[in-house]
N, C-alpha and C. Protein backbone atom coordinates (compact mmCIF):
# COMPACT_ATOMS: atom_id res chain seq x y z
N MET A 1 0.49 -1.22 -0.04
CA MET A 1 -0.14 0.38 0.25
C MET A 1 0.65 1.69 -0.16
N LYS A 2 2.02 1.31 0.91
CA LYS A 2 2.22 2.27 0.67
C LYS A 2 3.43 2.64 -0.33
N LEU A 3 3.54 1.96 -0.89
CA LEU A 3 4.78 1.64 -2.53
C LEU A 3 3.83 2.48 -3.58
N LEU A 4 2.58 1.90 -3.60
CA LEU A 4 0.98 2.83 -3.92
C LEU A 4 1.21 3.96 -3.97
N LYS A 5 1.52 4.54 -2.65
CA LYS A 5 1.07 5.70 -2.50
C LYS A 5 2.78 6.68 -2.75
N PHE A 6 3.48 5.88 -2.89
CA PHE A 6 4.36 6.72 -3.32
C PHE A 6 4.73 7.48 -5.02
N THR A 7 4.69 6.07 -5.82
CA THR A 7 4.15 5.58 -6.96
C THR A 7 2.93 6.85 -7.73
N GLN A 8 2.10 6.96 -6.44
CA GLN A 8 1.15 7.70 -7.14
C GLN A 8 1.36 9.90 -6.96
N ASN A 9 2.19 9.58 -5.77
CA ASN A 9 2.64 11.26 -5.42
C ASN A 9 3.49 11.48 -6.76
N VAL A 10 4.42 11.16 -6.93
CA VAL A 10 5.77 11.00 -7.66
C VAL A 10 4.62 11.39 -9.52
N ASN A 11 4.29 10.52 -9.87
CA ASN A 11 3.31 11.12 -11.07
C ASN A 11 2.20 11.36 -11.23
N SER A 12 2.26 12.65 -9.59
CA SER A 12 0.61 13.48 -10.62
C SER A 12 1.65 15.05 -9.86
N ASP A 13 2.79 14.96 -9.73
CA ASP A 13 3.71 15.92 -10.46
C ASP A 13 2.82 17.81 -9.38
N PRO A 14 2.21 17.37 -7.86
CA PRO A 14 1.41 18.31 -7.69
C PRO A 14 1.91 19.97 -7.84
N LYS A 15 3.29 20.08 -8.05
CA LYS A 15 3.50 21.29 -8.22
C LYS A 15 3.73 22.43 -9.37
N GLY A 16 3.61 21.33 -9.80
CA GLY A 16 3.74 22.04 -11.58
C GLY A 16 5.29 21.78 -12.03
N PHE A 17 6.03 21.26 -11.43
CA PHE A 17 7.95 21.35 -11.66
C PHE A 17 7.62 20.62 -13.95
N LYS A 18 6.65 19.73 -13.84
CA LYS A 18 6.95 19.27 -15.57
C LYS A 18 6.55 20.57 -16.07
N ASP A 19 5.62 21.85 -15.88
CA ASP A 19 5.40 22.87 -16.62
C ASP A 19 6.49 23.52 -16.79
N LYS A 20 7.11 23.59 -15.76
CA LYS A 20 8.19 24.99 -15.39
C LYS A 20 9.24 24.56 -15.88
N ARG A 21 9.63 23.14 -16.02
CA ARG A 21 10.82 22.48 -16.91
C ARG A 21 10.42 22.37 -18.91
N ILE A 22 9.15 22.58 -18.83
CA ILE A 22 9.25 22.56 -20.52
C ILE A 22 9.28 23.88 -20.81
N TRP A 23 8.56 24.81 -19.98
CA TRP A 23 8.83 26.75 -20.22
C TRP A 23 10.13 26.78 -20.55
N LEU A 24 11.43 26.53 -19.26
CA LEU A 24 12.04 26.71 -19.76
C LEU A 24 12.98 25.97 -20.14
N ALA A 25 12.33 24.46 -21.88
CA ALA A 25 13.36 24.41 -22.10
C ALA A 25 12.49 25.16 -23.34
N LYS A 26 11.57 25.74 -23.26
CA LYS A 26 11.44 25.92 -24.93
C LYS A 26 11.82 27.53 -24.57
N ALA A 27 12.58 27.85 -23.82
CA ALA A 27 13.22 29.60 -23.88
C ALA A 27 14.28 29.77 -23.32
N ALA A 28 14.81 28.66 -23.53
CA ALA A 28 16.30 28.59 -24.15
C ALA A 28 15.97 28.23 -25.15
N MET A 29 15.93 27.31 -26.22
CA MET A 29 15.12 27.43 -27.03
C MET A 29 15.65 27.97 -28.18
N VAL A 30 14.29 29.50 -27.94
CA VAL A 30 14.63 30.91 -28.33
C VAL A 30 15.44 31.13 -28.10
N SER A 31 16.02 31.62 -27.36
CA SER A 31 16.62 32.33 -27.16
C SER A 31 18.38 31.67 -28.05
N VAL A 32 18.31 30.79 -27.96
CA VAL A 32 19.58 30.31 -28.80
C VAL A 32 19.13 29.96 -30.10
N PHE A 33 17.45 30.19 -30.45
CA PHE A 33 18.16 29.91 -32.35
C PHE A 33 18.06 31.85 -32.55
N VAL A 34 17.17 33.07 -31.61
CA VAL A 34 17.23 34.42 -32.08
C VAL A 34 18.94 34.01 -31.83
N PHE A 35 19.46 34.22 -31.03
CA PHE A 35 21.12 34.78 -30.75
C PHE A 35 22.01 33.78 -32.27
N LEU A 36 21.87 33.36 -32.81
CA LEU A 36 22.76 32.42 -33.66
C LEU A 36 22.37 32.72 -35.15
N PHE A 37 21.07 33.47 -35.48
CA PHE A 37 19.81 34.24 -36.22
C PHE A 37 20.38 35.63 -36.22
N SER A 38 20.12 35.65 -35.37
CA SER A 38 20.32 37.59 -35.41
C SER A 38 21.60 38.36 -34.87
N SER A 39 22.96 37.88 -34.06
CA SER A 39 23.18 38.14 -33.36
C SER A 39 24.62 38.50 -34.65
N CYS A 40 24.89 37.26 -35.75
CA CYS A 40 26.06 37.28 -36.27
C CYS A 40 25.95 38.14 -37.33
N GLY A 41 24.48 39.25 -37.67
CA GLY A 41 25.18 40.07 -38.73
C GLY A 41 24.48 39.54 -40.23
N ILE A 42 25.00 38.35 -40.48
CA ILE A 42 24.46 37.78 -41.41
C ILE A 42 23.15 37.74 -42.03
N TYR A 43 22.55 36.80 -41.67
CA TYR A 43 21.40 36.40 -41.61
C TYR A 43 20.03 37.55 -40.68
N SER A 44 18.97 37.22 -41.32
CA SER A 44 18.55 38.00 -41.35
C SER A 44 17.02 37.49 -41.08
N PHE A 45 15.66 37.26 -40.63
CA PHE A 45 14.44 37.35 -40.46
C PHE A 45 13.67 36.96 -41.68
N THR A 46 13.78 37.64 -42.47
CA THR A 46 13.50 37.69 -44.02
C THR A 46 13.71 36.91 -44.66
N GLY A 47 14.93 36.22 -44.25
CA GLY A 47 16.21 35.23 -45.53
C GLY A 47 17.24 35.96 -45.97
N ALA A 48 16.76 36.81 -45.85
CA ALA A 48 18.17 37.92 -46.24
C ALA A 48 19.72 37.36 -46.11
N SER A 49 20.71 37.32 -46.85
CA SER A 49 21.96 36.98 -46.93
C SER A 49 22.99 38.63 -47.14
N ILE A 50 23.04 38.81 -46.23
CA ILE A 50 23.96 40.66 -45.95
C ILE A 50 25.37 39.90 -45.44
N PRO A 51 26.17 40.47 -46.89
CA PRO A 51 27.47 40.36 -45.95
C PRO A 51 27.81 41.11 -44.68
N PRO A 52 28.53 40.50 -43.81
CA PRO A 52 28.81 40.68 -42.09
C PRO A 52 29.79 42.54 -42.37
N ASP A 53 30.06 42.80 -43.40
CA ASP A 53 30.75 43.66 -43.36
C ASP A 53 30.31 44.91 -43.97
N ALA A 54 29.24 44.42 -44.50
CA ALA A 54 28.16 45.85 -45.76
C ALA A 54 27.13 46.29 -44.49
N LYS A 55 27.53 47.78 -44.38
CA LYS A 55 27.20 48.25 -43.87
C LYS A 55 25.86 49.69 -43.73
N THR A 56 26.05 49.94 -45.22
CA THR A 56 25.12 50.59 -46.15
C THR A 56 24.79 50.43 -47.31
N ILE A 57 23.84 51.00 -47.73
CA ILE A 57 23.14 50.89 -49.15
C ILE A 57 22.54 52.46 -49.77
N SER A 58 22.71 52.27 -51.22
CA SER A 58 22.32 53.02 -52.05
C SER A 58 21.55 53.22 -53.50
N VAL A 59 20.34 53.91 -53.01
CA VAL A 59 19.12 52.88 -53.84
C VAL A 59 19.09 55.04 -54.99
N GLY A 60 19.54 54.64 -55.96
CA GLY A 60 20.11 55.83 -56.75
C GLY A 60 18.40 55.89 -57.44
N TYR A 61 18.10 56.97 -57.64
CA TYR A 61 16.40 57.50 -58.65
C TYR A 61 16.76 56.39 -59.75
N PHE A 62 15.48 56.20 -60.21
CA PHE A 62 14.58 55.20 -61.47
C PHE A 62 14.45 56.38 -62.40
N SER A 63 15.10 56.97 -62.85
CA SER A 63 14.35 57.81 -64.30
C SER A 63 12.72 56.91 -65.04
N ASN A 64 12.77 57.89 -65.13
CA ASN A 64 11.07 57.07 -66.45
C ASN A 64 11.50 56.86 -67.23
N LYS A 65 11.93 56.41 -68.28
CA LYS A 65 13.06 55.89 -69.91
C LYS A 65 11.83 54.95 -70.24
N ALA A 66 10.37 54.52 -70.14
CA ALA A 66 9.21 53.64 -71.14
C ALA A 66 9.30 54.82 -71.85
N PRO A 67 8.67 54.27 -73.40
CA PRO A 67 7.81 55.70 -74.12
C PRO A 67 6.11 55.55 -73.52
N LEU A 68 5.78 55.11 -72.51
CA LEU A 68 4.72 55.84 -72.36
C LEU A 68 4.67 56.57 -70.14
N VAL A 69 5.11 57.52 -70.07
CA VAL A 69 5.45 58.23 -68.98
C VAL A 69 4.06 57.85 -68.00
N ASP A 70 4.36 57.11 -67.02
CA ASP A 70 2.95 58.33 -65.86
C ASP A 70 3.99 59.33 -64.73
N PRO A 71 3.59 60.61 -65.08
CA PRO A 71 5.03 61.11 -63.47
C PRO A 71 5.26 61.11 -62.80
N THR A 72 4.79 60.51 -62.04
CA THR A 72 5.26 59.86 -60.48
C THR A 72 4.83 58.64 -60.43
N LEU A 73 5.79 58.01 -61.74
CA LEU A 73 5.74 56.33 -61.71
C LEU A 73 7.32 56.63 -60.87
N SER A 74 8.69 57.24 -61.12
CA SER A 74 9.92 57.34 -60.91
C SER A 74 9.50 57.31 -59.15
N GLN A 75 9.53 58.15 -58.92
CA GLN A 75 9.09 58.60 -57.34
C GLN A 75 8.09 57.01 -56.39
N THR A 76 7.62 56.72 -57.16
CA THR A 76 6.79 55.88 -56.70
C THR A 76 7.74 54.61 -55.86
N PHE A 77 8.13 54.32 -57.40
CA PHE A 77 8.66 53.21 -57.80
C PHE A 77 10.17 53.28 -56.62
N THR A 78 10.93 54.10 -56.86
CA THR A 78 12.01 54.40 -56.00
C THR A 78 11.94 55.07 -54.39
N ASN A 79 10.59 55.35 -54.24
CA ASN A 79 10.56 55.23 -52.83
C ASN A 79 9.77 54.34 -51.98
N THR A 80 9.60 53.03 -52.87
CA THR A 80 9.21 51.74 -52.36
C THR A 80 10.29 50.77 -52.56
N LEU A 81 10.63 51.07 -53.19
CA LEU A 81 12.43 50.01 -53.04
C LEU A 81 13.02 50.83 -52.40
N ARG A 82 13.06 51.97 -51.31
CA ARG A 82 13.78 52.23 -50.50
C ARG A 82 13.54 52.15 -49.66
N ASP A 83 12.17 51.72 -49.15
CA ASP A 83 11.71 51.94 -48.15
C ASP A 83 11.56 49.82 -48.06
N MET A 84 11.96 48.94 -48.49
CA MET A 84 11.58 47.92 -48.37
C MET A 84 13.10 47.36 -48.11
N PHE A 85 14.26 48.13 -48.20
CA PHE A 85 15.44 47.97 -47.65
C PHE A 85 15.41 48.02 -46.32
N ASN A 86 14.80 49.42 -46.03
CA ASN A 86 14.37 49.31 -45.04
C ASN A 86 14.17 49.47 -44.14
N SER A 87 13.09 48.41 -44.85
CA SER A 87 12.33 47.43 -43.29
C SER A 87 12.67 46.53 -43.76
N GLN A 88 13.50 45.56 -44.21
CA GLN A 88 14.53 45.03 -43.98
C GLN A 88 15.71 44.40 -44.01
N THR A 89 16.02 45.09 -43.13
CA THR A 89 17.65 45.04 -43.49
C THR A 89 17.65 46.24 -42.21
N ASN A 90 18.71 45.92 -42.02
CA ASN A 90 19.66 47.15 -41.01
C ASN A 90 20.55 48.01 -41.40
N LEU A 91 20.70 47.93 -42.46
CA LEU A 91 21.53 48.92 -43.30
C LEU A 91 21.80 49.99 -43.33
N GLN A 92 22.14 51.21 -43.48
CA GLN A 92 22.29 52.05 -43.26
C GLN A 92 22.25 52.88 -44.38
N MET A 93 21.04 53.36 -44.77
CA MET A 93 20.50 54.38 -46.30
C MET A 93 21.65 56.24 -46.74
N VAL A 94 22.67 55.93 -47.30
CA VAL A 94 23.37 56.65 -47.72
C VAL A 94 23.24 57.11 -49.34
N PRO A 95 23.36 58.06 -49.86
CA PRO A 95 22.67 59.08 -50.91
C PRO A 95 23.44 57.80 -52.37
N LYS A 96 24.43 58.17 -52.37
CA LYS A 96 25.10 57.12 -53.22
C LYS A 96 26.58 56.83 -52.45
N ASN A 97 26.47 55.71 -53.27
CA ASN A 97 28.43 54.75 -53.21
C ASN A 97 28.46 53.83 -51.77
N GLY A 98 27.13 53.21 -51.88
CA GLY A 98 27.38 52.22 -50.87
C GLY A 98 28.00 50.83 -50.65
N ASP A 99 27.88 50.14 -49.84
CA ASP A 99 28.62 48.84 -49.90
C ASP A 99 27.76 47.68 -50.87
N LEU A 100 26.03 48.04 -50.38
CA LEU A 100 25.26 47.43 -51.88
C LEU A 100 24.45 49.15 -52.48
N GLN A 101 24.70 48.69 -53.74
CA GLN A 101 24.57 49.81 -54.28
C GLN A 101 23.59 49.85 -55.60
N PHE A 102 22.67 49.87 -56.11
CA PHE A 102 21.44 49.57 -56.73
C PHE A 102 20.93 51.15 -57.58
N SER A 103 20.73 50.30 -58.90
CA SER A 103 20.23 51.92 -59.78
C SER A 103 19.95 51.71 -60.90
N GLY A 104 18.99 52.41 -61.85
CA GLY A 104 18.60 51.57 -62.90
C GLY A 104 17.60 52.40 -63.36
N GLU A 105 16.37 52.58 -64.58
CA GLU A 105 15.58 53.01 -64.85
C GLU A 105 14.23 51.82 -65.44
N ILE A 106 13.07 52.65 -64.78
CA ILE A 106 11.95 52.50 -65.87
C ILE A 106 11.49 51.98 -67.28
N THR A 107 12.05 51.07 -67.70
CA THR A 107 11.74 51.17 -69.00
C THR A 107 10.75 50.72 -69.92
N GLY A 108 10.05 50.48 -68.71
CA GLY A 108 8.38 50.13 -69.71
C GLY A 108 6.97 49.95 -69.06
N TYR A 109 6.56 50.67 -69.79
CA TYR A 109 4.79 51.60 -68.92
C TYR A 109 3.76 50.57 -69.49
N SER A 110 2.80 50.25 -69.57
CA SER A 110 2.34 49.64 -70.67
C SER A 110 0.76 49.15 -71.03
N ILE A 111 -0.49 49.57 -70.92
CA ILE A 111 -1.65 49.00 -70.87
C ILE A 111 -1.67 48.34 -71.93
N THR A 112 -2.11 46.48 -71.74
CA THR A 112 -2.84 46.10 -73.38
C THR A 112 -3.67 45.52 -72.81
N PRO A 113 -5.34 44.86 -73.88
CA PRO A 113 -5.85 44.43 -73.59
C PRO A 113 -5.90 42.84 -73.61
N GLN A 114 -6.66 41.95 -72.27
CA GLN A 114 -6.55 41.29 -72.12
C GLN A 114 -7.69 40.46 -72.54
N ALA A 115 -7.99 38.86 -72.90
CA ALA A 115 -9.07 38.27 -72.36
C ALA A 115 -10.38 39.03 -73.01
N ILE A 116 -10.08 39.18 -74.89
CA ILE A 116 -10.80 39.40 -76.06
C ILE A 116 -12.28 38.90 -76.43
N GLN A 117 -13.11 39.16 -75.95
CA GLN A 117 -14.33 38.78 -75.97
C GLN A 117 -15.17 38.65 -77.87
N ALA A 118 -15.84 37.74 -77.65
CA ALA A 118 -16.53 37.68 -78.88
C ALA A 118 -16.60 38.84 -79.52
N ASN A 119 -17.42 39.86 -79.30
CA ASN A 119 -17.50 41.54 -79.88
C ASN A 119 -16.24 41.92 -79.58
N GLN A 120 -14.99 41.67 -79.89
CA GLN A 120 -13.73 42.01 -80.17
C GLN A 120 -13.75 43.32 -78.99
N THR A 121 -14.22 43.22 -77.93
CA THR A 121 -13.75 44.26 -76.70
C THR A 121 -12.99 43.79 -75.61
N ALA A 122 -12.37 43.82 -74.88
CA ALA A 122 -11.86 43.14 -74.20
C ALA A 122 -12.29 43.20 -72.63
N ALA A 123 -12.55 41.83 -71.65
CA ALA A 123 -12.69 41.86 -70.20
C ALA A 123 -11.90 42.48 -69.93
N LEU A 124 -10.08 42.12 -69.88
CA LEU A 124 -9.43 42.40 -69.27
C LEU A 124 -8.94 43.31 -69.39
N ASN A 125 -8.29 44.60 -68.72
CA ASN A 125 -6.30 45.47 -69.20
C ASN A 125 -5.63 45.08 -68.75
N ARG A 126 -4.46 45.23 -68.80
CA ARG A 126 -3.67 44.63 -68.16
C ARG A 126 -2.44 45.99 -68.22
N LEU A 127 -1.97 45.87 -66.81
CA LEU A 127 -0.80 47.37 -66.88
C LEU A 127 0.32 46.74 -65.50
N SER A 128 0.91 47.03 -67.25
CA SER A 128 2.57 46.04 -67.41
C SER A 128 3.72 47.28 -66.51
N ILE A 129 4.08 46.96 -65.43
CA ILE A 129 5.42 47.87 -65.42
C ILE A 129 7.18 46.83 -66.12
N THR A 130 8.10 47.93 -66.19
CA THR A 130 9.73 46.78 -66.33
C THR A 130 10.44 48.23 -65.98
N VAL A 131 11.33 47.42 -64.22
CA VAL A 131 12.50 48.14 -64.32
C VAL A 131 13.77 47.41 -64.68
N LYS A 132 15.24 48.13 -65.26
CA LYS A 132 16.05 47.37 -65.75
C LYS A 132 16.90 47.74 -64.54
N VAL A 133 17.88 47.52 -63.35
CA VAL A 133 18.80 46.92 -61.88
C VAL A 133 19.68 46.43 -62.19
N GLN A 134 20.63 47.32 -62.10
CA GLN A 134 22.23 47.27 -62.06
C GLN A 134 22.02 47.24 -60.27
N TYR A 135 23.08 45.85 -59.69
CA TYR A 135 22.99 45.94 -58.63
C TYR A 135 24.61 45.62 -58.45
N ILE A 136 25.18 46.15 -57.58
CA ILE A 136 26.73 46.32 -57.26
C ILE A 136 26.97 45.87 -55.63
N ASN A 137 27.23 44.53 -55.33
CA ASN A 137 28.06 44.34 -54.29
C ASN A 137 28.98 44.34 -53.31
N THR A 138 29.57 45.73 -53.39
CA THR A 138 31.08 45.74 -53.14
C THR A 138 31.85 45.41 -52.23
N LYS A 139 31.32 44.21 -51.24
CA LYS A 139 31.91 43.12 -50.48
C LYS A 139 31.95 41.84 -51.81
N ASP A 140 31.20 41.96 -52.38
CA ASP A 140 31.71 40.67 -53.16
C ASP A 140 30.71 40.73 -54.82
N HIS A 141 31.65 40.65 -55.73
CA HIS A 141 31.09 40.50 -56.57
C HIS A 141 30.54 39.75 -57.71
N THR A 142 30.50 38.60 -56.99
CA THR A 142 29.82 38.05 -58.13
C THR A 142 28.55 37.78 -57.83
N LYS A 143 28.13 38.93 -56.67
CA LYS A 143 26.97 39.35 -56.51
C LYS A 143 26.33 39.67 -57.76
N ASP A 144 26.96 40.43 -58.34
CA ASP A 144 26.44 41.91 -59.13
C ASP A 144 26.03 41.16 -60.12
N PHE A 145 24.84 41.86 -60.44
CA PHE A 145 23.35 41.49 -62.15
C PHE A 145 23.42 42.83 -62.14
N ASP A 146 22.92 42.96 -63.62
CA ASP A 146 22.47 43.48 -64.68
C ASP A 146 20.85 43.42 -64.62
N THR A 147 20.21 43.08 -64.37
CA THR A 147 18.41 42.11 -65.31
C THR A 147 17.40 43.20 -65.13
N SER A 148 16.33 42.97 -65.81
CA SER A 148 15.13 43.60 -65.94
C SER A 148 14.21 42.91 -65.17
N PHE A 149 13.53 43.47 -64.99
CA PHE A 149 12.16 42.87 -63.99
C PHE A 149 10.64 43.58 -64.27
N THR A 150 9.75 42.58 -64.35
CA THR A 150 8.45 42.89 -65.02
C THR A 150 7.55 42.06 -64.18
N GLU A 151 6.88 42.98 -63.50
CA GLU A 151 5.89 42.63 -63.08
C GLU A 151 4.06 43.43 -63.38
N TYR A 152 2.93 42.49 -63.74
CA TYR A 152 2.05 42.87 -64.27
C TYR A 152 0.30 43.33 -63.33
N ARG A 153 -0.14 43.70 -63.37
CA ARG A 153 -1.98 43.31 -62.58
C ARG A 153 -3.08 43.82 -63.96
N ASP A 154 -3.94 43.40 -62.96
CA ASP A 154 -4.99 42.80 -64.29
C ASP A 154 -6.02 43.82 -63.83
N TYR A 155 -7.31 44.39 -65.16
CA TYR A 155 -7.92 44.82 -63.85
C TYR A 155 -9.33 44.89 -65.27
N THR A 156 -10.42 44.91 -64.65
CA THR A 156 -11.64 44.63 -65.37
C THR A 156 -11.65 45.82 -66.37
N SER A 157 -12.17 46.19 -67.36
CA SER A 157 -12.30 46.52 -69.11
C SER A 157 -13.64 48.04 -68.56
N ASP A 158 -14.68 46.96 -67.08
CA ASP A 158 -15.56 48.03 -66.59
C ASP A 158 -14.82 49.07 -65.87
N GLN A 159 -13.50 49.11 -65.61
CA GLN A 159 -12.77 50.20 -64.61
C GLN A 159 -12.15 51.28 -65.19
N ASN A 160 -13.34 52.28 -64.58
CA ASN A 160 -12.07 54.11 -64.59
C ASN A 160 -10.44 53.56 -64.66
N PHE A 161 -9.41 53.14 -66.01
CA PHE A 161 -8.24 53.39 -65.33
C PHE A 161 -7.60 54.32 -64.23
N ASN A 162 -8.14 55.60 -64.03
CA ASN A 162 -7.70 56.71 -63.66
C ASN A 162 -8.06 55.79 -61.89
N THR A 163 -8.92 55.81 -61.83
CA THR A 163 -9.82 54.88 -60.42
C THR A 163 -8.77 54.01 -59.89
N VAL A 164 -8.37 53.06 -61.09
CA VAL A 164 -7.70 52.03 -60.06
C VAL A 164 -5.76 52.16 -60.22
N LYS A 165 -5.22 53.45 -61.03
CA LYS A 165 -4.21 53.03 -61.28
C LYS A 165 -3.07 53.26 -60.06
N ASP A 166 -3.62 54.01 -59.35
CA ASP A 166 -2.88 53.93 -57.98
C ASP A 166 -2.11 52.81 -56.86
N LYS A 167 -3.47 52.55 -57.23
CA LYS A 167 -3.77 51.25 -56.72
C LYS A 167 -3.09 49.94 -57.38
N LEU A 168 -3.10 50.60 -58.31
CA LEU A 168 -2.00 48.83 -59.52
C LEU A 168 -0.68 49.89 -58.89
N VAL A 169 -0.04 50.54 -59.31
CA VAL A 169 1.00 50.82 -59.44
C VAL A 169 1.99 50.65 -58.15
N GLY A 170 1.01 50.87 -57.52
CA GLY A 170 1.23 50.48 -55.49
C GLY A 170 1.68 49.40 -55.42
N GLU A 171 0.96 48.10 -55.99
CA GLU A 171 0.92 46.61 -56.16
C GLU A 171 1.95 46.19 -56.65
N ILE A 172 1.90 46.94 -57.93
CA ILE A 172 3.05 46.47 -59.43
C ILE A 172 4.71 46.67 -58.39
N CYS A 173 5.07 48.10 -57.70
CA CYS A 173 6.09 48.42 -56.98
C CYS A 173 6.43 47.79 -56.15
N THR A 174 5.73 46.84 -55.72
CA THR A 174 6.10 46.48 -54.00
C THR A 174 6.37 44.66 -54.48
N SER A 175 5.82 44.19 -55.05
CA SER A 175 5.83 43.19 -56.54
C SER A 175 7.66 43.20 -56.73
N LEU A 176 7.51 44.22 -57.24
CA LEU A 176 8.73 44.30 -58.05
C LEU A 176 10.03 44.71 -57.03
N SER A 177 9.83 45.73 -56.12
CA SER A 177 10.96 45.39 -55.03
C SER A 177 11.02 43.90 -54.22
N GLU A 178 10.11 43.39 -54.07
CA GLU A 178 10.70 42.41 -53.37
C GLU A 178 11.41 41.36 -54.48
N ASP A 179 10.73 40.71 -55.56
CA ASP A 179 12.15 40.44 -56.86
C ASP A 179 13.20 40.62 -56.49
N ILE A 180 13.48 42.16 -56.19
CA ILE A 180 14.84 42.72 -56.75
C ILE A 180 16.01 42.49 -55.04
N PHE A 181 15.13 42.59 -54.12
CA PHE A 181 15.43 42.33 -53.16
C PHE A 181 16.15 40.50 -52.42
N ASN A 182 15.01 39.91 -53.85
CA ASN A 182 15.37 38.67 -53.24
C ASN A 182 15.79 38.15 -54.09
N LYS A 183 16.50 38.39 -55.27
CA LYS A 183 17.89 38.09 -56.18
C LYS A 183 18.95 38.80 -55.62
N ALA A 184 18.83 40.57 -55.27
CA ALA A 184 20.12 40.40 -54.29
C ALA A 184 20.82 40.26 -52.84
N LEU A 185 19.81 39.21 -52.41
CA LEU A 185 20.31 39.50 -51.07
C LEU A 185 19.76 38.03 -50.26
N VAL A 186 18.62 37.38 -51.27
CA VAL A 186 18.14 36.02 -50.61
C VAL A 186 18.22 35.26 -51.95
N ASN A 187 19.13 35.22 -53.25
CA ASN A 187 19.72 34.89 -53.90
C ASN A 187 19.10 33.56 -54.63
N TRP A 188 17.29 33.87 -55.29
CA TRP A 188 16.81 32.60 -55.29
C TRP A 188 16.95 32.63 -57.55
């Protein structure tokens, strides 16, 4: 009878020691994870691989060289790209000659009909934007590139383009910035 009582007391864990040990083990694992992946300066939680000796980044103004020019597109795209790097890295933004350098131009801005219907009208229209980007990594020139990126968004033909333009341009600029970020720092 005494043996049964002893076994019962051990398994019941009346003071919650088991829960405290589990909590401490989880806290230790999280601490180790945060230390290993953030303190070395090479990796970030976005998956970016930034050279440890890179401290600055410069994103030049992307002028609009597209045949069809939207007067606000250059500023919108440049700011979106800068914001992407400011929010996703701890690199200091400098006007020029950063350790990581981005420059380029907008080479395409077009609206084309999509999904032509039987009455020869388009059910959808597509806004496409293309940017040519030169990237220089002064710490590792094997990562340099000179590439064009294109993104688009479709909208229904019953929508007035002027009412949806800002939303579409914002979405496209964000997608382009993500593609550029990923190519430069995530190495996809």
